[in-house]
Amino acid sequence: MVSLIKGKKKSTWNKLINYLIHYLDIMKKGISSSKYDLIYVHFLSHHIPILYFLGIIKKPLIINLHGTDFIAVKNSPLLTALSKPVLRKAKAIVVPTSYFSDLVEEHFRFIKADQIIISPSGGIDKNVFYLKQGQQNNSNVITLGFVSRFIEEKGWRTYLESLEILEKNQIPFKGIIAGKGPDEHRIKKCINDLNLTPKIKFLGLVEQKKLVDIYNEMDLYIFPTYREAESLGLTGLEAMACGVPNIACNIAGPSTYIVPGKNGFLFPVRDAASLAEKIMAYYYMKPSEKQAMCEMAELTTHKYEQSNIAEQLVESLKEKTK
C-alpha cells in the first residue's frame, strides 16, 4: 500500500488540502488492512501529525530521515519536541549516510546506533550512468563540470571564483554548467563579471538521460555545496559512475564517499582558493595517477547501485523487525 501527495501545490491553501487528503488516505489504509508487514514513512517533518496516529497501529514503524527534513527538525525546538515521542516508537530509523547517522544520534540521545539503518537514498542506475569508451580527454585543457540546482548554497559562486583563480594561474580549462533555479541570472552575471564567458559552456536544464554524455565530457566534477542538508549528493555519485573524480566540500553526504587522493579531493566550505589548489593538483598529476583516480571513482559507486541498495535495505528491515 502506498500513499503519496501528487501534483504541484500552487498555494498554501491547496497545500493544506493536499496534506489533509494525504493524511486521511494514510489513516484509511492503516485501519482497513492488515496485509502489510510494517509502516514505512518518508520525511519526518512532513508527517509528524499523522505519525501520532500510526503509533497506535500494532505494526513496526520505520521512519526514513532525509537531509532536508532532519535538518528542519534539528533546527526547530518545537519540531524536535514533537518528534521525540514519535521516534521513541520507531522500530528503526533509516538515514542516507553515516554523517546523518552521527547527527541523529547526537541530537536524539535516546536513539541507539543499532536502531539506525544507513541506506543511500535512491542509488544510481548503472544502466544510465557509466563510462563511455573513447570519450576520454587527451588534450591539455581540463574540463570542470558543475551540475546542480541554481541556489547559493550549492556553491556556484565558489566554483566560478575558483575558475577565475585558474585563469590567473594560466591553467587551460573549460567549464560546464548544467541545471536550473532562481539564481540563474546571478550566475550568468557572475560569469560575465569574472570575464569567464569564453571558457564556460552554460547548458541550462539537461534531461537526465542526456546527463551521462555531459559527465563523460568532464575530467573533474566540482561539488562545492555547503548545504548542511546535502543528504547524499547524488550528482557526485552519478559523475563518479562515469569515471569522473569529485572535488567536493568537506561536508555532509559527499564527505562520506570521497577519499582524498584516491577518488577525488575535499576542500573547506566556500574556499575557492583551496578548490583551485585541488584542481591544479589534479591537473599536474601523472596520467597514470589520473587514470587510477578515475578507476577508483567508478569503483566507489558499485555499492550505491540501485539494485544493491534495495536488496540491502530489505534485508536490514527484516532483521530490525523480527
C-alpha atoms as a PDB file:
ATOM      1  CA  MET A   1       0.000   0.000   0.000  1.00  0.00           C
ATOM      2  CA  VAL A   2       1.331   3.417  -0.928  1.00  0.00           C
ATOM      3  CA  SER A   3       0.105   6.886  -0.007  1.00  0.00           C
ATOM      4  CA  LEU A   4       1.614   9.829  -1.870  1.00  0.00           C
ATOM      5  CA  ILE A   5       0.996  13.513  -2.426  1.00  0.00           C
ATOM      6  CA  LYS A   6       0.760  14.060  -6.164  1.00  0.00           C
ATOM      7  CA  GLY A   7       0.942  17.212  -8.218  1.00  0.00           C
ATOM      8  CA  LYS A   8       2.336  20.654  -7.558  1.00  0.00           C
ATOM      9  CA  LYS A   9       0.991  22.740  -4.674  1.00  0.00           C
ATOM     10  CA  LYS A  10       0.291  26.182  -6.111  1.00  0.00           C
ATOM     11  CA  SER A  11      -0.832  27.842  -2.890  1.00  0.00           C
ATOM     12  CA  THR A  12      -0.699  27.393   0.878  1.00  0.00           C
ATOM     13  CA  TRP A  13      -4.422  26.564   0.928  1.00  0.00           C
ATOM     14  CA  ASN A  14      -4.009  24.000  -1.833  1.00  0.00           C
ATOM     15  CA  LYS A  15      -1.055  22.503   0.023  1.00  0.00           C
ATOM     16  CA  LEU A  16      -3.075  22.159   3.240  1.00  0.00           C
ATOM     17  CA  ILE A  17      -5.888  20.411   1.388  1.00  0.00           C
ATOM     18  CA  ASN A  18      -3.437  18.021  -0.262  1.00  0.00           C
ATOM     19  CA  TYR A  19      -1.866  17.134   3.079  1.00  0.00           C
ATOM     20  CA  LEU A  20      -5.264  16.611   4.695  1.00  0.00           C
ATOM     21  CA  ILE A  21      -6.255  14.225   1.903  1.00  0.00           C
ATOM     22  CA  HIS A  22      -2.877  12.519   2.233  1.00  0.00           C
ATOM     23  CA  TYR A  23      -3.263  12.049   5.989  1.00  0.00           C
ATOM     24  CA  LEU A  24      -6.828  10.713   5.619  1.00  0.00           C
ATOM     25  CA  ASP A  25      -5.625   8.263   2.989  1.00  0.00           C
ATOM     26  CA  ILE A  26      -2.914   7.016   5.369  1.00  0.00           C
ATOM     27  CA  MET A  27      -5.452   6.618   8.201  1.00  0.00           C
ATOM     28  CA  LYS A  28      -7.855   4.718   5.945  1.00  0.00           C
ATOM     29  CA  LYS A  29      -5.195   2.324   4.728  1.00  0.00           C
ATOM     30  CA  GLY A  30      -3.725   1.904   8.202  1.00  0.00           C
ATOM     31  CA  ILE A  31      -7.083   0.924   9.714  1.00  0.00           C
ATOM     32  CA  SER A  32      -8.695  -1.011   6.886  1.00  0.00           C
ATOM     33  CA  SER A  33      -5.989  -3.523   6.070  1.00  0.00           C
ATOM     34  CA  SER A  34      -3.593  -5.844   7.834  1.00  0.00           C
ATOM     35  CA  LYS A  35      -1.935  -7.076   4.650  1.00  0.00           C
ATOM     36  CA  TYR A  36       1.390  -5.424   5.324  1.00  0.00           C
ATOM     37  CA  ASP A  37       4.398  -6.184   7.488  1.00  0.00           C
ATOM     38  CA  LEU A  38       5.433  -2.699   8.551  1.00  0.00           C
ATOM     39  CA  ILE A  39       4.720   1.018   8.181  1.00  0.00           C
ATOM     40  CA  TYR A  40       7.471   2.879   6.313  1.00  0.00           C
ATOM     41  CA  VAL A  41       7.314   6.672   6.429  1.00  0.00           C
ATOM     42  CA  HIS A  42       9.461   9.128   4.477  1.00  0.00           C
ATOM     43  CA  PHE A  43      10.070  12.724   5.614  1.00  0.00           C
ATOM     44  CA  LEU A  44       9.539  13.010   9.356  1.00  0.00           C
ATOM     45  CA  SER A  45       8.896  16.759   9.381  1.00  0.00           C
ATOM     46  CA  HIS A  46       6.024  16.370   6.867  1.00  0.00           C
ATOM     47  CA  HIS A  47       4.284  13.594   8.758  1.00  0.00           C
ATOM     48  CA  ILE A  48       4.533  14.412  12.463  1.00  0.00           C
ATOM     49  CA  PRO A  49       0.721  14.854  12.878  1.00  0.00           C
ATOM     50  CA  ILE A  50      -0.168  11.515  11.292  1.00  0.00           C
ATOM     51  CA  LEU A  51       2.713   9.688  12.987  1.00  0.00           C
ATOM     52  CA  TYR A  52       0.973  10.082  16.338  1.00  0.00           C
ATOM     53  CA  PHE A  53      -1.934   8.119  14.887  1.00  0.00           C
ATOM     54  CA  LEU A  54       0.293   5.490  13.263  1.00  0.00           C
ATOM     55  CA  GLY A  55       1.889   4.858  16.654  1.00  0.00           C
ATOM     56  CA  ILE A  56      -1.277   3.109  17.873  1.00  0.00           C
ATOM     57  CA  ILE A  57      -1.278   0.615  14.973  1.00  0.00           C
ATOM     58  CA  LYS A  58       0.417  -2.603  16.021  1.00  0.00           C
ATOM     59  CA  LYS A  59       2.850  -2.766  13.128  1.00  0.00           C
ATOM     60  CA  PRO A  60       6.584  -1.975  13.187  1.00  0.00           C
ATOM     61  CA  LEU A  61       7.109   1.725  12.398  1.00  0.00           C
ATOM     62  CA  ILE A  62      10.100   2.650  10.208  1.00  0.00           C
ATOM     63  CA  ILE A  63      10.981   6.316   9.702  1.00  0.00           C
ATOM     64  CA  ASN A  64      13.237   7.411   6.854  1.00  0.00           C
ATOM     65  CA  LEU A  65      15.022  10.662   7.720  1.00  0.00           C
ATOM     66  CA  HIS A  66      16.285  12.533   4.687  1.00  0.00           C
ATOM     67  CA  GLY A  67      18.605  15.513   4.736  1.00  0.00           C
ATOM     68  CA  THR A  68      16.198  18.445   4.493  1.00  0.00           C
ATOM     69  CA  ASP A  69      13.555  17.048   6.824  1.00  0.00           C
ATOM     70  CA  PHE A  70      16.025  16.085   9.550  1.00  0.00           C
ATOM     71  CA  ILE A  71      17.769  19.478   9.441  1.00  0.00           C
ATOM     72  CA  ALA A  72      14.340  21.173   9.679  1.00  0.00           C
ATOM     73  CA  VAL A  73      13.608  19.164  12.832  1.00  0.00           C
ATOM     74  CA  LYS A  74      17.110  19.637  14.253  1.00  0.00           C
ATOM     75  CA  ASN A  75      16.938  23.419  13.868  1.00  0.00           C
ATOM     76  CA  SER A  76      13.461  23.760  15.406  1.00  0.00           C
ATOM     77  CA  PRO A  77      12.954  23.210  19.154  1.00  0.00           C
ATOM     78  CA  LEU A  78       9.219  22.757  18.534  1.00  0.00           C
ATOM     79  CA  LEU A  79       9.653  20.108  15.823  1.00  0.00           C
ATOM     80  CA  THR A  80      12.293  18.393  17.946  1.00  0.00           C
ATOM     81  CA  ALA A  81       9.898  18.196  20.902  1.00  0.00           C
ATOM     82  CA  LEU A  82       7.068  16.893  18.716  1.00  0.00           C
ATOM     83  CA  SER A  83       9.341  14.335  17.059  1.00  0.00           C
ATOM     84  CA  LYS A  84      10.686  12.719  20.219  1.00  0.00           C
ATOM     85  CA  PRO A  85       7.615  10.662  21.196  1.00  0.00           C
ATOM     86  CA  VAL A  86       7.191   9.552  17.589  1.00  0.00           C
ATOM     87  CA  LEU A  87      10.821   8.492  17.197  1.00  0.00           C
ATOM     88  CA  ARG A  88      10.684   6.600  20.503  1.00  0.00           C
ATOM     89  CA  LYS A  89       8.004   4.368  18.938  1.00  0.00           C
ATOM     90  CA  ALA A  90      10.022   3.675  15.788  1.00  0.00           C
ATOM     91  CA  LYS A  91      11.459   0.216  15.344  1.00  0.00           C
ATOM     92  CA  ALA A  92      14.209   1.558  13.087  1.00  0.00           C
ATOM     93  CA  ILE A  93      15.438   4.857  11.632  1.00  0.00           C
ATOM     94  CA  VAL A  94      16.738   4.965   8.051  1.00  0.00           C
ATOM     95  CA  VAL A  95      19.292   7.660   7.117  1.00  0.00           C
ATOM     96  CA  PRO A  96      21.208   8.237   3.859  1.00  0.00           C
ATOM     97  CA  THR A  97      24.801   8.355   5.175  1.00  0.00           C
ATOM     98  CA  SER A  98      26.981   7.799   8.230  1.00  0.00           C
ATOM     99  CA  TYR A  99      27.213  11.606   8.514  1.00  0.00           C
ATOM    100  CA  PHE A 100      23.473  11.820   9.214  1.00  0.00           C
ATOM    101  CA  SER A 101      23.606   8.773  11.454  1.00  0.00           C
ATOM    102  CA  ASP A 102      26.029  10.645  13.707  1.00  0.00           C
ATOM    103  CA  LEU A 103      23.845  13.775  13.649  1.00  0.00           C
ATOM    104  CA  VAL A 104      20.723  11.815  14.563  1.00  0.00           C
ATOM    105  CA  GLU A 105      22.458  10.057  17.477  1.00  0.00           C
ATOM    106  CA  GLU A 106      23.838  13.364  18.713  1.00  0.00           C
ATOM    107  CA  HIS A 107      20.512  15.217  18.504  1.00  0.00           C
ATOM    108  CA  PHE A 108      18.261  12.423  19.787  1.00  0.00           C
ATOM    109  CA  ARG A 109      20.300  10.784  22.528  1.00  0.00           C
ATOM    110  CA  PHE A 110      17.742   8.024  23.098  1.00  0.00           C
ATOM    111  CA  ILE A 111      18.291   6.639  19.580  1.00  0.00           C
ATOM    112  CA  LYS A 112      20.988   3.979  19.595  1.00  0.00           C
ATOM    113  CA  ALA A 113      23.344   3.072  16.765  1.00  0.00           C
ATOM    114  CA  ASP A 114      21.805  -0.381  16.360  1.00  0.00           C
ATOM    115  CA  GLN A 115      18.411   1.220  15.611  1.00  0.00           C
ATOM    116  CA  ILE A 116      19.806   3.086  12.602  1.00  0.00           C
ATOM    117  CA  ILE A 117      19.951   1.722   9.067  1.00  0.00           C
ATOM    118  CA  ILE A 118      22.217   3.558   6.643  1.00  0.00           C
ATOM    119  CA  SER A 119      20.749   3.328   3.152  1.00  0.00           C
ATOM    120  CA  PRO A 120      21.711   5.802   0.385  1.00  0.00           C
ATOM    121  CA  SER A 121      18.562   7.419  -0.998  1.00  0.00           C
ATOM    122  CA  GLY A 122      17.597   6.085  -4.413  1.00  0.00           C
ATOM    123  CA  GLY A 123      21.024   4.986  -5.563  1.00  0.00           C
ATOM    124  CA  ILE A 124      22.499   5.016  -9.048  1.00  0.00           C
ATOM    125  CA  ASP A 125      21.195   3.307 -12.148  1.00  0.00           C
ATOM    126  CA  LYS A 126      24.391   1.979 -13.730  1.00  0.00           C
ATOM    127  CA  ASN A 127      22.466   1.373 -16.959  1.00  0.00           C
ATOM    128  CA  VAL A 128      22.061   5.146 -17.223  1.00  0.00           C
ATOM    129  CA  PHE A 129      25.334   6.434 -15.751  1.00  0.00           C
ATOM    130  CA  TYR A 130      28.500   4.733 -16.957  1.00  0.00           C
ATOM    131  CA  LEU A 131      31.891   5.439 -18.515  1.00  0.00           C
ATOM    132  CA  LYS A 132      31.649   5.676 -22.294  1.00  0.00           C
ATOM    133  CA  GLN A 133      34.698   4.311 -24.000  1.00  0.00           C
ATOM    134  CA  GLY A 134      36.612   6.576 -26.374  1.00  0.00           C
ATOM    135  CA  GLN A 135      35.471   9.835 -24.756  1.00  0.00           C
ATOM    136  CA  GLN A 136      38.484  10.389 -22.520  1.00  0.00           C
ATOM    137  CA  ASN A 137      40.054  13.831 -22.753  1.00  0.00           C
ATOM    138  CA  ASN A 138      43.581  13.654 -24.118  1.00  0.00           C
ATOM    139  CA  SER A 139      44.038  17.407 -24.559  1.00  0.00           C
ATOM    140  CA  ASN A 140      45.869  19.821 -22.300  1.00  0.00           C
ATOM    141  CA  VAL A 141      42.596  21.545 -21.404  1.00  0.00           C
ATOM    142  CA  ILE A 142      40.938  20.299 -18.205  1.00  0.00           C
ATOM    143  CA  THR A 143      37.129  20.153 -18.239  1.00  0.00           C
ATOM    144  CA  LEU A 144      35.426  21.035 -14.965  1.00  0.00           C
ATOM    145  CA  GLY A 145      31.735  20.294 -14.538  1.00  0.00           C
ATOM    146  CA  PHE A 146      29.039  21.636 -12.221  1.00  0.00           C
ATOM    147  CA  VAL A 147      25.515  20.134 -12.300  1.00  0.00           C
ATOM    148  CA  SER A 148      23.109  21.499  -9.739  1.00  0.00           C
ATOM    149  CA  ARG A 149      20.007  23.385  -8.770  1.00  0.00           C
ATOM    150  CA  PHE A 150      20.937  27.046  -9.056  1.00  0.00           C
ATOM    151  CA  ILE A 151      20.828  28.261  -5.468  1.00  0.00           C
ATOM    152  CA  GLU A 152      23.583  29.963  -3.461  1.00  0.00           C
ATOM    153  CA  GLU A 153      24.047  27.067  -1.020  1.00  0.00           C
ATOM    154  CA  LYS A 154      25.031  24.736  -3.853  1.00  0.00           C
ATOM    155  CA  GLY A 155      28.278  26.675  -4.112  1.00  0.00           C
ATOM    156  CA  TRP A 156      28.126  28.017  -7.652  1.00  0.00           C
ATOM    157  CA  ARG A 157      29.960  31.186  -6.612  1.00  0.00           C
ATOM    158  CA  THR A 158      32.828  29.169  -5.122  1.00  0.00           C
ATOM    159  CA  TYR A 159      33.039  27.204  -8.370  1.00  0.00           C
ATOM    160  CA  LEU A 160      33.215  30.333 -10.522  1.00  0.00           C
ATOM    161  CA  GLU A 161      35.722  32.063  -8.243  1.00  0.00           C
ATOM    162  CA  SER A 162      37.974  29.009  -8.438  1.00  0.00           C
ATOM    163  CA  LEU A 163      37.858  29.237 -12.244  1.00  0.00           C
ATOM    164  CA  GLU A 164      38.952  32.865 -12.031  1.00  0.00           C
ATOM    165  CA  ILE A 165      41.968  31.714  -9.979  1.00  0.00           C
ATOM    166  CA  LEU A 166      42.785  29.053 -12.584  1.00  0.00           C
ATOM    167  CA  GLU A 167      42.640  31.724 -15.279  1.00  0.00           C
ATOM    168  CA  LYS A 168      45.098  33.907 -13.359  1.00  0.00           C
ATOM    169  CA  ASN A 169      47.415  30.913 -12.983  1.00  0.00           C
ATOM    170  CA  GLN A 170      47.201  30.221 -16.717  1.00  0.00           C
ATOM    171  CA  ILE A 171      45.667  26.772 -16.300  1.00  0.00           C
ATOM    172  CA  PRO A 172      43.844  25.885 -19.541  1.00  0.00           C
ATOM    173  CA  PHE A 173      40.295  24.825 -18.672  1.00  0.00           C
ATOM    174  CA  LYS A 174      36.732  24.552 -19.901  1.00  0.00           C
ATOM    175  CA  GLY A 175      33.776  24.892 -17.531  1.00  0.00           C
ATOM    176  CA  ILE A 176      30.423  23.167 -17.940  1.00  0.00           C
ATOM    177  CA  ILE A 177      27.348  24.338 -16.021  1.00  0.00           C
ATOM    178  CA  ALA A 178      24.034  22.488 -16.147  1.00  0.00           C
ATOM    179  CA  GLY A 179      20.870  22.928 -14.120  1.00  0.00           C
ATOM    180  CA  LYS A 180      18.181  25.446 -13.327  1.00  0.00           C
ATOM    181  CA  GLY A 181      16.970  27.514 -10.414  1.00  0.00           C
ATOM    182  CA  PRO A 182      16.304  31.003  -9.085  1.00  0.00           C
ATOM    183  CA  ASP A 183      19.986  32.057  -9.234  1.00  0.00           C
ATOM    184  CA  GLU A 184      20.371  31.584 -12.991  1.00  0.00           C
ATOM    185  CA  HIS A 185      20.543  35.317 -13.741  1.00  0.00           C
ATOM    186  CA  ARG A 186      23.052  35.877 -10.916  1.00  0.00           C
ATOM    187  CA  ILE A 187      25.240  33.041 -12.181  1.00  0.00           C
ATOM    188  CA  LYS A 188      25.310  34.438 -15.710  1.00  0.00           C
ATOM    189  CA  LYS A 189      26.118  37.909 -14.373  1.00  0.00           C
ATOM    190  CA  CYS A 190      28.927  36.488 -12.227  1.00  0.00           C
ATOM    191  CA  ILE A 191      30.357  34.641 -15.243  1.00  0.00           C
ATOM    192  CA  ASN A 192      30.352  37.895 -17.188  1.00  0.00           C
ATOM    193  CA  ASP A 193      31.813  39.955 -14.306  1.00  0.00           C
ATOM    194  CA  LEU A 194      34.690  37.479 -13.908  1.00  0.00           C
ATOM    195  CA  ASN A 195      35.353  37.506 -17.669  1.00  0.00           C
ATOM    196  CA  LEU A 196      34.771  33.767 -17.885  1.00  0.00           C
ATOM    197  CA  THR A 197      32.165  33.709 -20.666  1.00  0.00           C
ATOM    198  CA  PRO A 198      34.508  32.315 -23.382  1.00  0.00           C
ATOM    199  CA  LYS A 199      35.585  29.477 -21.084  1.00  0.00           C
ATOM    200  CA  ILE A 200      32.173  28.235 -19.919  1.00  0.00           C
ATOM    201  CA  LYS A 201      29.528  26.177 -21.672  1.00  0.00           C
ATOM    202  CA  PHE A 202      26.230  27.097 -19.998  1.00  0.00           C
ATOM    203  CA  LEU A 203      23.706  24.344 -20.765  1.00  0.00           C
ATOM    204  CA  GLY A 204      20.766  25.156 -18.523  1.00  0.00           C
ATOM    205  CA  LEU A 205      18.482  22.253 -17.665  1.00  0.00           C
ATOM    206  CA  VAL A 206      19.621  18.927 -19.127  1.00  0.00           C
ATOM    207  CA  GLU A 207      17.385  15.843 -19.362  1.00  0.00           C
ATOM    208  CA  GLN A 208      18.551  13.090 -17.041  1.00  0.00           C
ATOM    209  CA  LYS A 209      19.069  10.616 -19.886  1.00  0.00           C
ATOM    210  CA  LYS A 210      21.474  13.093 -21.513  1.00  0.00           C
ATOM    211  CA  LEU A 211      23.498  13.774 -18.352  1.00  0.00           C
ATOM    212  CA  VAL A 212      25.655  10.708 -18.978  1.00  0.00           C
ATOM    213  CA  ASP A 213      27.108  12.466 -22.037  1.00  0.00           C
ATOM    214  CA  ILE A 214      27.753  15.631 -20.020  1.00  0.00           C
ATOM    215  CA  TYR A 215      29.519  13.713 -17.236  1.00  0.00           C
ATOM    216  CA  ASN A 216      31.646  11.888 -19.785  1.00  0.00           C
ATOM    217  CA  GLU A 217      32.914  15.230 -21.103  1.00  0.00           C
ATOM    218  CA  MET A 218      34.340  16.100 -17.671  1.00  0.00           C
ATOM    219  CA  ASP A 219      37.767  15.483 -16.187  1.00  0.00           C
ATOM    220  CA  LEU A 220      36.594  16.560 -12.733  1.00  0.00           C
ATOM    221  CA  TYR A 221      33.188  17.030 -11.180  1.00  0.00           C
ATOM    222  CA  ILE A 222      33.136  20.087  -8.922  1.00  0.00           C
ATOM    223  CA  PHE A 223      30.744  19.705  -5.989  1.00  0.00           C
ATOM    224  CA  PRO A 224      31.074  22.880  -3.865  1.00  0.00           C
ATOM    225  CA  THR A 225      27.761  22.548  -1.991  1.00  0.00           C
ATOM    226  CA  TYR A 226      27.786  23.753   1.594  1.00  0.00           C
ATOM    227  CA  ARG A 227      24.196  22.771   2.422  1.00  0.00           C
ATOM    228  CA  GLU A 228      24.048  21.092   5.798  1.00  0.00           C
ATOM    229  CA  ALA A 229      21.115  19.084   4.432  1.00  0.00           C
ATOM    230  CA  GLU A 230      23.091  17.618   1.492  1.00  0.00           C
ATOM    231  CA  SER A 231      21.989  14.120   2.427  1.00  0.00           C
ATOM    232  CA  LEU A 232      23.953  12.125  -0.144  1.00  0.00           C
ATOM    233  CA  GLY A 233      24.978  14.175  -3.156  1.00  0.00           C
ATOM    234  CA  LEU A 234      23.649  12.006  -5.958  1.00  0.00           C
ATOM    235  CA  THR A 235      25.090  14.083  -8.807  1.00  0.00           C
ATOM    236  CA  GLY A 236      28.575  13.497  -7.435  1.00  0.00           C
ATOM    237  CA  LEU A 237      28.000   9.746  -7.471  1.00  0.00           C
ATOM    238  CA  GLU A 238      26.480   9.896 -10.953  1.00  0.00           C
ATOM    239  CA  ALA A 239      29.653  11.591 -12.196  1.00  0.00           C
ATOM    240  CA  MET A 240      31.837   9.038 -10.394  1.00  0.00           C
ATOM    241  CA  ALA A 241      29.865   6.223 -12.044  1.00  0.00           C
ATOM    242  CA  CYS A 242      31.086   7.743 -15.321  1.00  0.00           C
ATOM    243  CA  GLY A 243      34.680   7.565 -14.069  1.00  0.00           C
ATOM    244  CA  VAL A 244      34.887  11.237 -13.047  1.00  0.00           C
ATOM    245  CA  PRO A 245      36.639  12.068  -9.743  1.00  0.00           C
ATOM    246  CA  ASN A 246      34.938  14.598  -7.454  1.00  0.00           C
ATOM    247  CA  ILE A 247      36.295  17.668  -5.734  1.00  0.00           C
ATOM    248  CA  ALA A 248      33.748  18.489  -3.045  1.00  0.00           C
ATOM    249  CA  CYS A 249      33.229  20.487   0.124  1.00  0.00           C
ATOM    250  CA  ASN A 250      34.132  18.510   3.203  1.00  0.00           C
ATOM    251  CA  ILE A 251      30.563  18.385   4.452  1.00  0.00           C
ATOM    252  CA  ALA A 252      27.508  16.146   4.695  1.00  0.00           C
ATOM    253  CA  GLY A 253      26.980  13.372   2.143  1.00  0.00           C
ATOM    254  CA  PRO A 254      29.986  13.881  -0.155  1.00  0.00           C
ATOM    255  CA  SER A 255      32.387  13.667   2.781  1.00  0.00           C
ATOM    256  CA  THR A 256      31.277  10.072   3.354  1.00  0.00           C
ATOM    257  CA  TYR A 257      32.244   8.660  -0.048  1.00  0.00           C
ATOM    258  CA  ILE A 258      35.152  10.814  -1.226  1.00  0.00           C
ATOM    259  CA  VAL A 259      38.553   9.541  -0.119  1.00  0.00           C
ATOM    260  CA  PRO A 260      41.074  12.367  -0.679  1.00  0.00           C
ATOM    261  CA  GLY A 261      43.780  11.413  -3.126  1.00  0.00           C
ATOM    262  CA  LYS A 262      42.010   8.164  -4.044  1.00  0.00           C
ATOM    263  CA  ASN A 263      38.757   9.022  -5.843  1.00  0.00           C
ATOM    264  CA  GLY A 264      38.823  12.812  -5.538  1.00  0.00           C
ATOM    265  CA  PHE A 265      39.570  15.624  -3.111  1.00  0.00           C
ATOM    266  CA  LEU A 266      37.826  17.524  -0.317  1.00  0.00           C
ATOM    267  CA  PHE A 267      38.177  21.229   0.451  1.00  0.00           C
ATOM    268  CA  PRO A 268      36.872  23.625   3.133  1.00  0.00           C
ATOM    269  CA  VAL A 269      33.461  25.234   2.727  1.00  0.00           C
ATOM    270  CA  ARG A 270      33.358  28.331   0.462  1.00  0.00           C
ATOM    271  CA  ASP A 271      37.148  28.239  -0.011  1.00  0.00           C
ATOM    272  CA  ALA A 272      37.644  28.980  -3.721  1.00  0.00           C
ATOM    273  CA  ALA A 273      41.431  29.205  -3.311  1.00  0.00           C
ATOM    274  CA  SER A 274      41.568  25.713  -1.826  1.00  0.00           C
ATOM    275  CA  LEU A 275      39.276  24.391  -4.559  1.00  0.00           C
ATOM    276  CA  ALA A 276      41.529  25.871  -7.232  1.00  0.00           C
ATOM    277  CA  GLU A 277      44.539  24.344  -5.479  1.00  0.00           C
ATOM    278  CA  LYS A 278      42.933  20.872  -5.603  1.00  0.00           C
ATOM    279  CA  ILE A 279      42.090  21.298  -9.289  1.00  0.00           C
ATOM    280  CA  MET A 280      45.687  22.260 -10.049  1.00  0.00           C
ATOM    281  CA  ALA A 281      46.958  19.306  -8.003  1.00  0.00           C
ATOM    282  CA  TYR A 282      44.919  17.004 -10.238  1.00  0.00           C
ATOM    283  CA  TYR A 283      45.963  18.870 -13.382  1.00  0.00           C
ATOM    284  CA  TYR A 284      49.662  18.270 -12.643  1.00  0.00           C
ATOM    285  CA  MET A 285      49.245  14.604 -11.727  1.00  0.00           C
ATOM    286  CA  LYS A 286      50.816  11.961 -13.965  1.00  0.00           C
ATOM    287  CA  PRO A 287      48.456  10.349 -16.500  1.00  0.00           C
ATOM    288  CA  SER A 288      48.769   7.027 -14.670  1.00  0.00           C
ATOM    289  CA  GLU A 289      47.761   8.692 -11.390  1.00  0.00           C
ATOM    290  CA  LYS A 290      44.754  10.326 -13.019  1.00  0.00           C
ATOM    291  CA  GLN A 291      43.720   7.018 -14.531  1.00  0.00           C
ATOM    292  CA  ALA A 292      43.954   5.289 -11.158  1.00  0.00           C
ATOM    293  CA  MET A 293      41.790   8.006  -9.565  1.00  0.00           C
ATOM    294  CA  CYS A 294      39.191   7.708 -12.335  1.00  0.00           C
ATOM    295  CA  GLU A 295      39.037   3.935 -11.889  1.00  0.00           C
ATOM    296  CA  MET A 296      38.677   4.272  -8.132  1.00  0.00           C
ATOM    297  CA  ALA A 297      35.884   6.850  -8.595  1.00  0.00           C
ATOM    298  CA  GLU A 298      33.915   4.389 -10.717  1.00  0.00           C
ATOM    299  CA  LEU A 299      34.645   1.519  -8.329  1.00  0.00           C
ATOM    300  CA  THR A 300      33.349   3.578  -5.379  1.00  0.00           C
ATOM    301  CA  THR A 301      29.871   3.716  -6.885  1.00  0.00           C
ATOM    302  CA  HIS A 302      29.315  -0.035  -7.050  1.00  0.00           C
ATOM    303  CA  LYS A 303      27.889  -0.178  -3.534  1.00  0.00           C
ATOM    304  CA  TYR A 304      25.500   2.662  -4.430  1.00  0.00           C
ATOM    305  CA  GLU A 305      23.825   0.793  -7.292  1.00  0.00           C
ATOM    306  CA  GLN A 306      20.022   0.824  -7.033  1.00  0.00           C
ATOM    307  CA  SER A 307      19.626  -2.955  -7.051  1.00  0.00           C
ATOM    308  CA  ASN A 308      22.230  -3.449  -4.314  1.00  0.00           C
ATOM    309  CA  ILE A 309      20.762  -0.711  -2.131  1.00  0.00           C
ATOM    310  CA  ALA A 310      17.215  -2.088  -2.422  1.00  0.00           C
ATOM    311  CA  GLU A 311      18.300  -5.613  -1.512  1.00  0.00           C
ATOM    312  CA  GLN A 312      20.387  -4.438   1.431  1.00  0.00           C
ATOM    313  CA  LEU A 313      17.564  -2.249   2.765  1.00  0.00           C
ATOM    314  CA  VAL A 314      15.064  -5.103   2.613  1.00  0.00           C
ATOM    315  CA  GLU A 315      17.437  -7.410   4.472  1.00  0.00           C
ATOM    316  CA  SER A 316      18.112  -4.751   7.117  1.00  0.00           C
ATOM    317  CA  LEU A 317      14.382  -4.151   7.619  1.00  0.00           C
ATOM    318  CA  LYS A 318      13.761  -7.877   8.026  1.00  0.00           C
ATOM    319  CA  GLU A 319      16.474  -8.016  10.661  1.00  0.00           C
ATOM    320  CA  LYS A 320      15.178  -4.978  12.583  1.00  0.00           C
ATOM    321  CA  THR A 321      11.539  -6.116  12.562  1.00  0.00           C
ATOM    322  CA  LYS A 322      11.968  -9.743  13.622  1.00  0.00           C
END
